[in-house]
């Protein structure tokens, strides 16, 4: 049997550059194995030097003791632990950047408006909770649709909170949360999506699908910056609503829809302006439907849309 030359705790500390009290701490934490002499002193096998050096290096990188124990015991690879720590650091940096942006957004408020800005931004201090508020709002608006269709709408129209959001984006996001927290917006959205002032909808699910198709058809015009105007896109939109009510596209029917279009009030326009700012997409479901609503106004009154 080979003879093992054990190291005293002082020798281990000297070879590794780790203080004796720290070696004792690691031993007590179960990260270093130690034998005991008949007199009760700790002694270590020579391999403890490399183990302690690895432990010290990982601690210098901010790795937690639980993760270090996994590496030392072979439960997790070094690469795996380092990658996980890097992700954690990224999350911490994102949180710090967001906190700084929130503070700056409050600080930059006009004199006398800091309290109001603070109250507004309180809704977005937790980005996931803020996003969930928007998701819940739209799931209720689109409840007749299947989950897959609603999920597709959310992906396109509900902005995700950016981890490195600029202060102005945080303010815009907070305005969205404030908007959907007002019951009046929910009613206005329901009115304009379905034209609820024009009764007789037979199949609400079918109507929502067909309205979505009409919005997709007009999206190229919205992206290109064409002003709202009569044309085949508007005709298709009106026909969708007429068929949903077993009606025909007549001047009187268009006048009825036009009366409903008054629901496209400033709150709805502001909501979709903010969404465009946050998503960078000109043709959201909202902006395309507003284009069609304004095109209906132009077709019936000769007035330019986009009020």
C-alpha atoms as a PDB file:
ATOM      1  CA  UNK A   1       0.000   0.000   0.000  1.00  0.00           C
ATOM      2  CA  UNK A   2       1.376   3.391  -1.018  1.00  0.00           C
ATOM      3  CA  UNK A   3       2.181   5.738   1.770  1.00  0.00           C
ATOM      4  CA  UNK A   4       0.165   8.985   1.749  1.00  0.00           C
ATOM      5  CA  UNK A   5       1.762  12.126   3.055  1.00  0.00           C
ATOM      6  CA  UNK A   6      -1.012  14.162   4.578  1.00  0.00           C
ATOM      7  CA  UNK A   7      -1.000  17.927   4.721  1.00  0.00           C
ATOM      8  CA  UNK A   8      -1.826  19.890   7.796  1.00  0.00           C
ATOM      9  CA  UNK A   9      -4.371  22.646   7.480  1.00  0.00           C
ATOM     10  CA  UNK A  10      -1.545  25.198   7.651  1.00  0.00           C
ATOM     11  CA  UNK A  11       0.340  23.489   4.827  1.00  0.00           C
ATOM     12  CA  UNK A  12      -2.810  23.295   2.703  1.00  0.00           C
ATOM     13  CA  UNK A  13      -3.482  26.960   3.319  1.00  0.00           C
ATOM     14  CA  UNK A  14       0.069  27.899   2.379  1.00  0.00           C
ATOM     15  CA  UNK A  15       0.077  25.887  -0.863  1.00  0.00           C
ATOM     16  CA  UNK A  16      -3.304  27.169  -1.988  1.00  0.00           C
ATOM     17  CA  UNK A  17      -3.091  30.741  -0.767  1.00  0.00           C
ATOM     18  CA  UNK A  18      -6.369  30.345   1.114  1.00  0.00           C
ATOM     19  CA  UNK A  19      -6.651  31.515   4.702  1.00  0.00           C
ATOM     20  CA  UNK A  20      -6.820  28.817   7.376  1.00  0.00           C
ATOM     21  CA  UNK A  21     -10.178  30.042   8.630  1.00  0.00           C
ATOM     22  CA  UNK A  22     -11.549  29.806   5.068  1.00  0.00           C
ATOM     23  CA  UNK A  23     -10.252  26.235   4.749  1.00  0.00           C
ATOM     24  CA  UNK A  24     -12.079  25.385   7.968  1.00  0.00           C
ATOM     25  CA  UNK A  25     -15.249  26.975   6.592  1.00  0.00           C
ATOM     26  CA  UNK A  26     -15.079  24.892   3.409  1.00  0.00           C
ATOM     27  CA  UNK A  27     -14.511  21.775   5.456  1.00  0.00           C
ATOM     28  CA  UNK A  28     -17.519  22.512   7.641  1.00  0.00           C
ATOM     29  CA  UNK A  29     -19.589  23.162   4.507  1.00  0.00           C
ATOM     30  CA  UNK A  30     -18.689  19.696   3.204  1.00  0.00           C
ATOM     31  CA  UNK A  31     -16.662  20.970   0.242  1.00  0.00           C
ATOM     32  CA  UNK A  32     -13.324  19.641   1.464  1.00  0.00           C
ATOM     33  CA  UNK A  33     -12.713  16.206   2.930  1.00  0.00           C
ATOM     34  CA  UNK A  34     -10.442  16.068   5.962  1.00  0.00           C
ATOM     35  CA  UNK A  35      -9.194  13.266   8.160  1.00  0.00           C
ATOM     36  CA  UNK A  36      -8.414  13.688  11.826  1.00  0.00           C
ATOM     37  CA  UNK A  37      -5.211  12.896  13.670  1.00  0.00           C
ATOM     38  CA  UNK A  38      -5.378  11.116  17.034  1.00  0.00           C
ATOM     39  CA  UNK A  39      -5.142  14.558  18.603  1.00  0.00           C
ATOM     40  CA  UNK A  40      -8.120  15.814  16.567  1.00  0.00           C
ATOM     41  CA  UNK A  41      -6.325  18.021  14.069  1.00  0.00           C
ATOM     42  CA  UNK A  42      -7.491  18.163  10.462  1.00  0.00           C
ATOM     43  CA  UNK A  43      -5.206  16.664   7.807  1.00  0.00           C
ATOM     44  CA  UNK A  44      -5.704  16.474   4.044  1.00  0.00           C
ATOM     45  CA  UNK A  45      -4.646  14.307   1.145  1.00  0.00           C
ATOM     46  CA  UNK A  46      -2.406  16.063  -1.439  1.00  0.00           C
ATOM     47  CA  UNK A  47      -5.301  16.155  -3.934  1.00  0.00           C
ATOM     48  CA  UNK A  48      -7.009  18.653  -1.658  1.00  0.00           C
ATOM     49  CA  UNK A  49      -4.695  21.368  -3.011  1.00  0.00           C
ATOM     50  CA  UNK A  50      -6.134  21.183  -6.548  1.00  0.00           C
ATOM     51  CA  UNK A  51      -9.660  20.833  -5.195  1.00  0.00           C
ATOM     52  CA  UNK A  52      -9.203  23.905  -3.039  1.00  0.00           C
ATOM     53  CA  UNK A  53      -7.638  25.892  -5.897  1.00  0.00           C
ATOM     54  CA  UNK A  54     -10.593  25.026  -8.155  1.00  0.00           C
ATOM     55  CA  UNK A  55     -12.981  25.980  -5.394  1.00  0.00           C
ATOM     56  CA  UNK A  56     -11.193  29.295  -4.903  1.00  0.00           C
ATOM     57  CA  UNK A  57     -11.222  30.098  -8.628  1.00  0.00           C
ATOM     58  CA  UNK A  58     -14.920  29.360  -8.927  1.00  0.00           C
ATOM     59  CA  UNK A  59     -15.652  31.557  -5.923  1.00  0.00           C
ATOM     60  CA  UNK A  60     -13.650  34.335  -7.554  1.00  0.00           C
ATOM     61  CA  UNK A  61     -16.087  34.104 -10.495  1.00  0.00           C
ATOM     62  CA  UNK A  62     -18.995  34.493  -8.087  1.00  0.00           C
ATOM     63  CA  UNK A  63     -20.167  30.883  -8.355  1.00  0.00           C
ATOM     64  CA  UNK A  64     -22.323  29.806  -5.412  1.00  0.00           C
ATOM     65  CA  UNK A  65     -21.247  27.049  -3.049  1.00  0.00           C
ATOM     66  CA  UNK A  66     -24.064  24.718  -4.099  1.00  0.00           C
ATOM     67  CA  UNK A  67     -22.985  24.887  -7.749  1.00  0.00           C
ATOM     68  CA  UNK A  68     -19.332  24.473  -6.767  1.00  0.00           C
ATOM     69  CA  UNK A  69     -20.211  21.357  -4.818  1.00  0.00           C
ATOM     70  CA  UNK A  70     -21.908  19.958  -7.924  1.00  0.00           C
ATOM     71  CA  UNK A  71     -18.714  20.545  -9.949  1.00  0.00           C
ATOM     72  CA  UNK A  72     -16.467  19.036  -7.278  1.00  0.00           C
ATOM     73  CA  UNK A  73     -18.693  16.002  -6.950  1.00  0.00           C
ATOM     74  CA  UNK A  74     -19.061  15.556 -10.717  1.00  0.00           C
ATOM     75  CA  UNK A  75     -22.829  16.101 -10.635  1.00  0.00           C
ATOM     76  CA  UNK A  76     -22.548  18.938 -13.156  1.00  0.00           C
ATOM     77  CA  UNK A  77     -19.809  19.842 -15.573  1.00  0.00           C
ATOM     78  CA  UNK A  78     -17.740  22.977 -15.187  1.00  0.00           C
ATOM     79  CA  UNK A  79     -19.002  24.238 -18.552  1.00  0.00           C
ATOM     80  CA  UNK A  80     -22.614  23.749 -17.494  1.00  0.00           C
ATOM     81  CA  UNK A  81     -22.158  25.674 -14.260  1.00  0.00           C
ATOM     82  CA  UNK A  82     -20.292  28.520 -15.956  1.00  0.00           C
ATOM     83  CA  UNK A  83     -23.009  28.818 -18.625  1.00  0.00           C
ATOM     84  CA  UNK A  84     -25.743  28.907 -15.973  1.00  0.00           C
ATOM     85  CA  UNK A  85     -23.878  31.582 -14.038  1.00  0.00           C
ATOM     86  CA  UNK A  86     -23.463  33.686 -17.166  1.00  0.00           C
ATOM     87  CA  UNK A  87     -27.233  33.522 -17.776  1.00  0.00           C
ATOM     88  CA  UNK A  88     -27.848  34.569 -14.175  1.00  0.00           C
ATOM     89  CA  UNK A  89     -25.495  37.524 -14.575  1.00  0.00           C
ATOM     90  CA  UNK A  90     -27.285  38.542 -17.786  1.00  0.00           C
ATOM     91  CA  UNK A  91     -30.579  38.500 -15.891  1.00  0.00           C
ATOM     92  CA  UNK A  92     -29.087  40.613 -13.116  1.00  0.00           C
ATOM     93  CA  UNK A  93     -27.747  43.130 -15.628  1.00  0.00           C
ATOM     94  CA  UNK A  94     -31.123  43.313 -17.367  1.00  0.00           C
ATOM     95  CA  UNK A  95     -32.794  43.960 -14.016  1.00  0.00           C
ATOM     96  CA  UNK A  96     -30.274  46.678 -13.170  1.00  0.00           C
ATOM     97  CA  UNK A  97     -30.645  48.328 -16.575  1.00  0.00           C
ATOM     98  CA  UNK A  98     -34.410  48.266 -16.217  1.00  0.00           C
ATOM     99  CA  UNK A  99     -34.216  49.719 -12.726  1.00  0.00           C
ATOM    100  CA  UNK A 100     -31.951  52.510 -13.954  1.00  0.00           C
ATOM    101  CA  UNK A 101     -34.330  53.284 -16.831  1.00  0.00           C
ATOM    102  CA  UNK A 102     -37.299  53.381 -14.442  1.00  0.00           C
ATOM    103  CA  UNK A 103     -35.471  55.759 -12.117  1.00  0.00           C
ATOM    104  CA  UNK A 104     -34.462  57.984 -15.016  1.00  0.00           C
ATOM    105  CA  UNK A 105     -38.028  57.998 -16.344  1.00  0.00           C
ATOM    106  CA  UNK A 106     -39.343  59.265 -13.004  1.00  0.00           C
ATOM    107  CA  UNK A 107     -36.483  61.724 -12.598  1.00  0.00           C
ATOM    108  CA  UNK A 108     -37.064  63.216 -16.060  1.00  0.00           C
ATOM    109  CA  UNK A 109     -40.723  64.029 -15.405  1.00  0.00           C
ATOM    110  CA  UNK A 110     -41.751  67.658 -15.636  1.00  0.00           C
ATOM    111  CA  UNK A 111     -41.582  69.671 -12.407  1.00  0.00           C
ATOM    112  CA  UNK A 112     -44.495  68.781 -10.168  1.00  0.00           C
ATOM    113  CA  UNK A 113     -45.243  65.574 -12.103  1.00  0.00           C
ATOM    114  CA  UNK A 114     -42.884  63.170 -10.365  1.00  0.00           C
ATOM    115  CA  UNK A 115     -45.620  61.623  -8.204  1.00  0.00           C
ATOM    116  CA  UNK A 116     -47.860  61.037 -11.216  1.00  0.00           C
ATOM    117  CA  UNK A 117     -44.988  59.541 -13.236  1.00  0.00           C
ATOM    118  CA  UNK A 118     -44.048  57.312 -10.283  1.00  0.00           C
ATOM    119  CA  UNK A 119     -47.627  56.036 -10.022  1.00  0.00           C
ATOM    120  CA  UNK A 120     -47.753  55.387 -13.762  1.00  0.00           C
ATOM    121  CA  UNK A 121     -44.488  53.440 -13.860  1.00  0.00           C
ATOM    122  CA  UNK A 122     -45.295  51.374 -10.780  1.00  0.00           C
ATOM    123  CA  UNK A 123     -47.308  49.114 -13.102  1.00  0.00           C
ATOM    124  CA  UNK A 124     -44.208  48.079 -15.075  1.00  0.00           C
ATOM    125  CA  UNK A 125     -41.699  47.449 -12.291  1.00  0.00           C
ATOM    126  CA  UNK A 126     -42.480  43.737 -12.773  1.00  0.00           C
ATOM    127  CA  UNK A 127     -42.210  43.271 -16.565  1.00  0.00           C
ATOM    128  CA  UNK A 128     -43.814  39.838 -16.682  1.00  0.00           C
ATOM    129  CA  UNK A 129     -46.775  40.937 -14.591  1.00  0.00           C
ATOM    130  CA  UNK A 130     -47.203  43.971 -16.857  1.00  0.00           C
ATOM    131  CA  UNK A 131     -47.194  41.783 -19.962  1.00  0.00           C
ATOM    132  CA  UNK A 132     -49.735  39.463 -18.352  1.00  0.00           C
ATOM    133  CA  UNK A 133     -52.105  42.412 -17.897  1.00  0.00           C
ATOM    134  CA  UNK A 134     -52.083  43.040 -21.660  1.00  0.00           C
ATOM    135  CA  UNK A 135     -52.427  39.342 -22.442  1.00  0.00           C
ATOM    136  CA  UNK A 136     -55.441  39.005 -20.133  1.00  0.00           C
ATOM    137  CA  UNK A 137     -57.087  42.059 -21.672  1.00  0.00           C
ATOM    138  CA  UNK A 138     -56.857  40.649 -25.181  1.00  0.00           C
ATOM    139  CA  UNK A 139     -57.805  37.100 -24.269  1.00  0.00           C
ATOM    140  CA  UNK A 140     -61.067  38.502 -22.935  1.00  0.00           C
ATOM    141  CA  UNK A 141     -61.650  40.571 -26.067  1.00  0.00           C
ATOM    142  CA  UNK A 142     -61.019  37.568 -28.352  1.00  0.00           C
ATOM    143  CA  UNK A 143     -62.564  34.852 -26.192  1.00  0.00           C
ATOM    144  CA  UNK A 144     -64.677  33.264 -28.971  1.00  0.00           C
ATOM    145  CA  UNK A 145     -61.549  32.394 -30.944  1.00  0.00           C
ATOM    146  CA  UNK A 146     -59.535  29.193 -30.410  1.00  0.00           C
ATOM    147  CA  UNK A 147     -56.430  29.457 -28.280  1.00  0.00           C
ATOM    148  CA  UNK A 148     -54.073  29.069 -31.238  1.00  0.00           C
ATOM    149  CA  UNK A 149     -55.648  32.026 -33.028  1.00  0.00           C
ATOM    150  CA  UNK A 150     -55.487  34.182 -29.911  1.00  0.00           C
ATOM    151  CA  UNK A 151     -51.858  33.231 -29.377  1.00  0.00           C
ATOM    152  CA  UNK A 152     -51.075  34.297 -32.929  1.00  0.00           C
ATOM    153  CA  UNK A 153     -52.746  37.656 -32.334  1.00  0.00           C
ATOM    154  CA  UNK A 154     -50.797  38.150 -29.106  1.00  0.00           C
ATOM    155  CA  UNK A 155     -47.490  37.380 -30.826  1.00  0.00           C
ATOM    156  CA  UNK A 156     -48.168  40.034 -33.450  1.00  0.00           C
ATOM    157  CA  UNK A 157     -49.861  42.754 -31.416  1.00  0.00           C
ATOM    158  CA  UNK A 158     -48.861  42.584 -27.756  1.00  0.00           C
ATOM    159  CA  UNK A 159     -45.332  43.906 -27.221  1.00  0.00           C
ATOM    160  CA  UNK A 160     -42.981  42.019 -24.959  1.00  0.00           C
ATOM    161  CA  UNK A 161     -41.265  44.091 -22.265  1.00  0.00           C
ATOM    162  CA  UNK A 162     -37.721  44.696 -23.487  1.00  0.00           C
ATOM    163  CA  UNK A 163     -35.090  43.857 -20.840  1.00  0.00           C
ATOM    164  CA  UNK A 164     -33.007  46.883 -21.854  1.00  0.00           C
ATOM    165  CA  UNK A 165     -36.001  49.176 -22.341  1.00  0.00           C
ATOM    166  CA  UNK A 166     -35.308  52.866 -22.778  1.00  0.00           C
ATOM    167  CA  UNK A 167     -37.125  55.196 -20.384  1.00  0.00           C
ATOM    168  CA  UNK A 168     -39.483  56.407 -23.101  1.00  0.00           C
ATOM    169  CA  UNK A 169     -40.432  52.822 -23.921  1.00  0.00           C
ATOM    170  CA  UNK A 170     -41.130  52.100 -20.263  1.00  0.00           C
ATOM    171  CA  UNK A 171     -43.392  55.132 -20.158  1.00  0.00           C
ATOM    172  CA  UNK A 172     -45.187  53.953 -23.302  1.00  0.00           C
ATOM    173  CA  UNK A 173     -45.602  50.460 -21.854  1.00  0.00           C
ATOM    174  CA  UNK A 174     -46.934  51.926 -18.620  1.00  0.00           C
ATOM    175  CA  UNK A 175     -49.438  53.980 -20.629  1.00  0.00           C
ATOM    176  CA  UNK A 176     -50.644  50.765 -22.272  1.00  0.00           C
ATOM    177  CA  UNK A 177     -51.192  49.157 -18.882  1.00  0.00           C
ATOM    178  CA  UNK A 178     -53.058  52.216 -17.656  1.00  0.00           C
ATOM    179  CA  UNK A 179     -55.200  52.182 -20.800  1.00  0.00           C
ATOM    180  CA  UNK A 180     -56.328  48.562 -20.525  1.00  0.00           C
ATOM    181  CA  UNK A 181     -57.031  49.050 -16.825  1.00  0.00           C
ATOM    182  CA  UNK A 182     -59.786  51.495 -17.805  1.00  0.00           C
ATOM    183  CA  UNK A 183     -63.076  49.597 -18.399  1.00  0.00           C
ATOM    184  CA  UNK A 184     -64.034  52.188 -20.993  1.00  0.00           C
ATOM    185  CA  UNK A 185     -61.295  51.044 -23.340  1.00  0.00           C
ATOM    186  CA  UNK A 186     -62.478  47.436 -23.177  1.00  0.00           C
ATOM    187  CA  UNK A 187     -65.982  48.516 -24.192  1.00  0.00           C
ATOM    188  CA  UNK A 188     -64.681  50.736 -26.994  1.00  0.00           C
ATOM    189  CA  UNK A 189     -62.436  47.947 -28.331  1.00  0.00           C
ATOM    190  CA  UNK A 190     -65.289  45.457 -28.327  1.00  0.00           C
ATOM    191  CA  UNK A 191     -67.514  47.958 -30.115  1.00  0.00           C
ATOM    192  CA  UNK A 192     -65.111  48.723 -32.938  1.00  0.00           C
ATOM    193  CA  UNK A 193     -63.858  45.151 -33.449  1.00  0.00           C
ATOM    194  CA  UNK A 194     -67.361  43.747 -33.818  1.00  0.00           C
ATOM    195  CA  UNK A 195     -69.356  46.903 -34.679  1.00  0.00           C
ATOM    196  CA  UNK A 196     -71.635  45.917 -31.839  1.00  0.00           C
ATOM    197  CA  UNK A 197     -73.934  48.859 -32.515  1.00  0.00           C
ATOM    198  CA  UNK A 198     -75.070  47.017 -35.636  1.00  0.00           C
ATOM    199  CA  UNK A 199     -76.981  44.008 -34.280  1.00  0.00           C
ATOM    200  CA  UNK A 200     -77.665  40.573 -35.710  1.00  0.00           C
ATOM    201  CA  UNK A 201     -74.240  38.865 -35.634  1.00  0.00           C
ATOM    202  CA  UNK A 202     -74.905  35.171 -36.224  1.00  0.00           C
ATOM    203  CA  UNK A 203     -71.449  33.671 -35.692  1.00  0.00           C
ATOM    204  CA  UNK A 204     -69.096  35.870 -33.697  1.00  0.00           C
ATOM    205  CA  UNK A 205     -66.146  33.521 -34.113  1.00  0.00           C
ATOM    206  CA  UNK A 206     -66.502  33.531 -37.889  1.00  0.00           C
ATOM    207  CA  UNK A 207     -66.806  37.301 -37.884  1.00  0.00           C
ATOM    208  CA  UNK A 208     -63.553  37.731 -35.935  1.00  0.00           C
ATOM    209  CA  UNK A 209     -61.695  35.433 -38.341  1.00  0.00           C
ATOM    210  CA  UNK A 210     -63.076  37.276 -41.387  1.00  0.00           C
ATOM    211  CA  UNK A 211     -62.281  40.710 -39.926  1.00  0.00           C
ATOM    212  CA  UNK A 212     -58.728  39.504 -39.308  1.00  0.00           C
ATOM    213  CA  UNK A 213     -58.464  38.459 -42.968  1.00  0.00           C
ATOM    214  CA  UNK A 214     -59.733  41.872 -44.081  1.00  0.00           C
ATOM    215  CA  UNK A 215     -57.114  43.543 -41.897  1.00  0.00           C
ATOM    216  CA  UNK A 216     -54.364  41.386 -43.394  1.00  0.00           C
ATOM    217  CA  UNK A 217     -55.525  42.363 -46.893  1.00  0.00           C
ATOM    218  CA  UNK A 218     -55.177  46.084 -46.163  1.00  0.00           C
ATOM    219  CA  UNK A 219     -51.847  45.812 -44.317  1.00  0.00           C
ATOM    220  CA  UNK A 220     -49.705  46.560 -47.429  1.00  0.00           C
ATOM    221  CA  UNK A 221     -51.516  49.872 -47.884  1.00  0.00           C
ATOM    222  CA  UNK A 222     -50.954  50.788 -44.235  1.00  0.00           C
ATOM    223  CA  UNK A 223     -47.263  49.916 -44.430  1.00  0.00           C
ATOM    224  CA  UNK A 224     -46.893  51.930 -47.626  1.00  0.00           C
ATOM    225  CA  UNK A 225     -48.452  54.944 -45.929  1.00  0.00           C
ATOM    226  CA  UNK A 226     -51.506  55.236 -48.182  1.00  0.00           C
ATOM    227  CA  UNK A 227     -54.249  57.357 -46.619  1.00  0.00           C
ATOM    228  CA  UNK A 228     -57.579  55.646 -45.880  1.00  0.00           C
ATOM    229  CA  UNK A 229     -59.702  55.493 -49.030  1.00  0.00           C
ATOM    230  CA  UNK A 230     -62.540  53.530 -50.633  1.00  0.00           C
ATOM    231  CA  UNK A 231     -61.565  50.476 -52.608  1.00  0.00           C
ATOM    232  CA  UNK A 232     -61.719  46.681 -52.702  1.00  0.00           C
ATOM    233  CA  UNK A 233     -60.154  46.420 -49.224  1.00  0.00           C
ATOM    234  CA  UNK A 234     -62.960  48.465 -47.691  1.00  0.00           C
ATOM    235  CA  UNK A 235     -65.590  46.637 -49.768  1.00  0.00           C
ATOM    236  CA  UNK A 236     -64.331  43.332 -48.398  1.00  0.00           C
ATOM    237  CA  UNK A 237     -64.436  44.662 -44.832  1.00  0.00           C
ATOM    238  CA  UNK A 238     -68.024  45.886 -45.191  1.00  0.00           C
ATOM    239  CA  UNK A 239     -69.060  42.636 -46.872  1.00  0.00           C
ATOM    240  CA  UNK A 240     -67.651  40.649 -43.944  1.00  0.00           C
ATOM    241  CA  UNK A 241     -69.876  42.542 -41.531  1.00  0.00           C
ATOM    242  CA  UNK A 242     -72.887  42.348 -43.839  1.00  0.00           C
ATOM    243  CA  UNK A 243     -72.603  38.572 -44.280  1.00  0.00           C
ATOM    244  CA  UNK A 244     -72.169  38.117 -40.514  1.00  0.00           C
ATOM    245  CA  UNK A 245     -75.617  39.705 -40.062  1.00  0.00           C
ATOM    246  CA  UNK A 246     -77.270  38.173 -43.117  1.00  0.00           C
ATOM    247  CA  UNK A 247     -77.454  41.635 -44.671  1.00  0.00           C
ATOM    248  CA  UNK A 248     -76.330  43.221 -47.945  1.00  0.00           C
ATOM    249  CA  UNK A 249     -73.724  45.908 -48.486  1.00  0.00           C
ATOM    250  CA  UNK A 250     -76.002  48.903 -48.995  1.00  0.00           C
ATOM    251  CA  UNK A 251     -75.590  52.628 -48.297  1.00  0.00           C
ATOM    252  CA  UNK A 252     -77.869  52.318 -45.282  1.00  0.00           C
ATOM    253  CA  UNK A 253     -75.806  49.427 -43.915  1.00  0.00           C
ATOM    254  CA  UNK A 254     -72.616  51.439 -44.401  1.00  0.00           C
ATOM    255  CA  UNK A 255     -74.186  54.350 -42.557  1.00  0.00           C
ATOM    256  CA  UNK A 256     -74.934  52.023 -39.674  1.00  0.00           C
ATOM    257  CA  UNK A 257     -71.343  50.799 -39.609  1.00  0.00           C
ATOM    258  CA  UNK A 258     -70.144  54.384 -39.858  1.00  0.00           C
ATOM    259  CA  UNK A 259     -72.107  55.276 -36.726  1.00  0.00           C
ATOM    260  CA  UNK A 260     -70.382  52.396 -34.957  1.00  0.00           C
ATOM    261  CA  UNK A 261     -67.013  53.669 -36.142  1.00  0.00           C
ATOM    262  CA  UNK A 262     -67.364  56.528 -33.701  1.00  0.00           C
ATOM    263  CA  UNK A 263     -66.079  53.962 -31.214  1.00  0.00           C
ATOM    264  CA  UNK A 264     -62.638  54.507 -32.730  1.00  0.00           C
ATOM    265  CA  UNK A 265     -62.107  57.274 -30.198  1.00  0.00           C
ATOM    266  CA  UNK A 266     -58.859  58.846 -29.067  1.00  0.00           C
ATOM    267  CA  UNK A 267     -58.264  56.099 -26.472  1.00  0.00           C
ATOM    268  CA  UNK A 268     -58.166  53.385 -29.121  1.00  0.00           C
ATOM    269  CA  UNK A 269     -55.998  55.446 -31.438  1.00  0.00           C
ATOM    270  CA  UNK A 270     -53.605  56.227 -28.615  1.00  0.00           C
ATOM    271  CA  UNK A 271     -53.436  52.547 -27.638  1.00  0.00           C
ATOM    272  CA  UNK A 272     -52.399  51.478 -31.126  1.00  0.00           C
ATOM    273  CA  UNK A 273     -49.973  54.385 -31.500  1.00  0.00           C
ATOM    274  CA  UNK A 274     -48.209  53.205 -28.350  1.00  0.00           C
ATOM    275  CA  UNK A 275     -48.217  49.616 -29.616  1.00  0.00           C
ATOM    276  CA  UNK A 276     -46.637  50.727 -32.890  1.00  0.00           C
ATOM    277  CA  UNK A 277     -43.966  52.603 -30.940  1.00  0.00           C
ATOM    278  CA  UNK A 278     -43.138  49.517 -28.898  1.00  0.00           C
ATOM    279  CA  UNK A 279     -43.309  46.883 -31.636  1.00  0.00           C
ATOM    280  CA  UNK A 280     -41.951  48.950 -34.512  1.00  0.00           C
ATOM    281  CA  UNK A 281     -44.691  47.445 -36.703  1.00  0.00           C
ATOM    282  CA  UNK A 282     -46.783  49.900 -38.711  1.00  0.00           C
ATOM    283  CA  UNK A 283     -49.473  47.360 -39.626  1.00  0.00           C
ATOM    284  CA  UNK A 284     -50.799  45.919 -36.390  1.00  0.00           C
ATOM    285  CA  UNK A 285     -54.297  44.484 -36.194  1.00  0.00           C
ATOM    286  CA  UNK A 286     -55.364  47.758 -34.624  1.00  0.00           C
ATOM    287  CA  UNK A 287     -53.826  50.140 -37.128  1.00  0.00           C
ATOM    288  CA  UNK A 288     -55.241  48.183 -40.069  1.00  0.00           C
ATOM    289  CA  UNK A 289     -58.734  48.149 -38.586  1.00  0.00           C
ATOM    290  CA  UNK A 290     -58.528  51.878 -37.855  1.00  0.00           C
ATOM    291  CA  UNK A 291     -57.471  52.413 -41.488  1.00  0.00           C
ATOM    292  CA  UNK A 292     -60.590  50.540 -42.616  1.00  0.00           C
ATOM    293  CA  UNK A 293     -62.760  52.466 -40.184  1.00  0.00           C
ATOM    294  CA  UNK A 294     -61.382  55.736 -41.482  1.00  0.00           C
ATOM    295  CA  UNK A 295     -61.779  54.536 -45.079  1.00  0.00           C
ATOM    296  CA  UNK A 296     -65.452  53.950 -44.306  1.00  0.00           C
ATOM    297  CA  UNK A 297     -65.709  57.543 -43.078  1.00  0.00           C
ATOM    298  CA  UNK A 298     -64.071  58.798 -46.264  1.00  0.00           C
ATOM    299  CA  UNK A 299     -66.392  56.698 -48.439  1.00  0.00           C
ATOM    300  CA  UNK A 300     -69.535  58.009 -46.759  1.00  0.00           C
ATOM    301  CA  UNK A 301     -68.673  61.596 -45.919  1.00  0.00           C
ATOM    302  CA  UNK A 302     -65.755  62.485 -48.167  1.00  0.00           C
ATOM    303  CA  UNK A 303     -63.738  63.424 -45.094  1.00  0.00           C
ATOM    304  CA  UNK A 304     -60.160  62.401 -44.658  1.00  0.00           C
ATOM    305  CA  UNK A 305     -59.697  59.688 -41.992  1.00  0.00           C
ATOM    306  CA  UNK A 306     -57.257  59.427 -39.139  1.00  0.00           C
ATOM    307  CA  UNK A 307     -59.078  61.653 -36.698  1.00  0.00           C
END
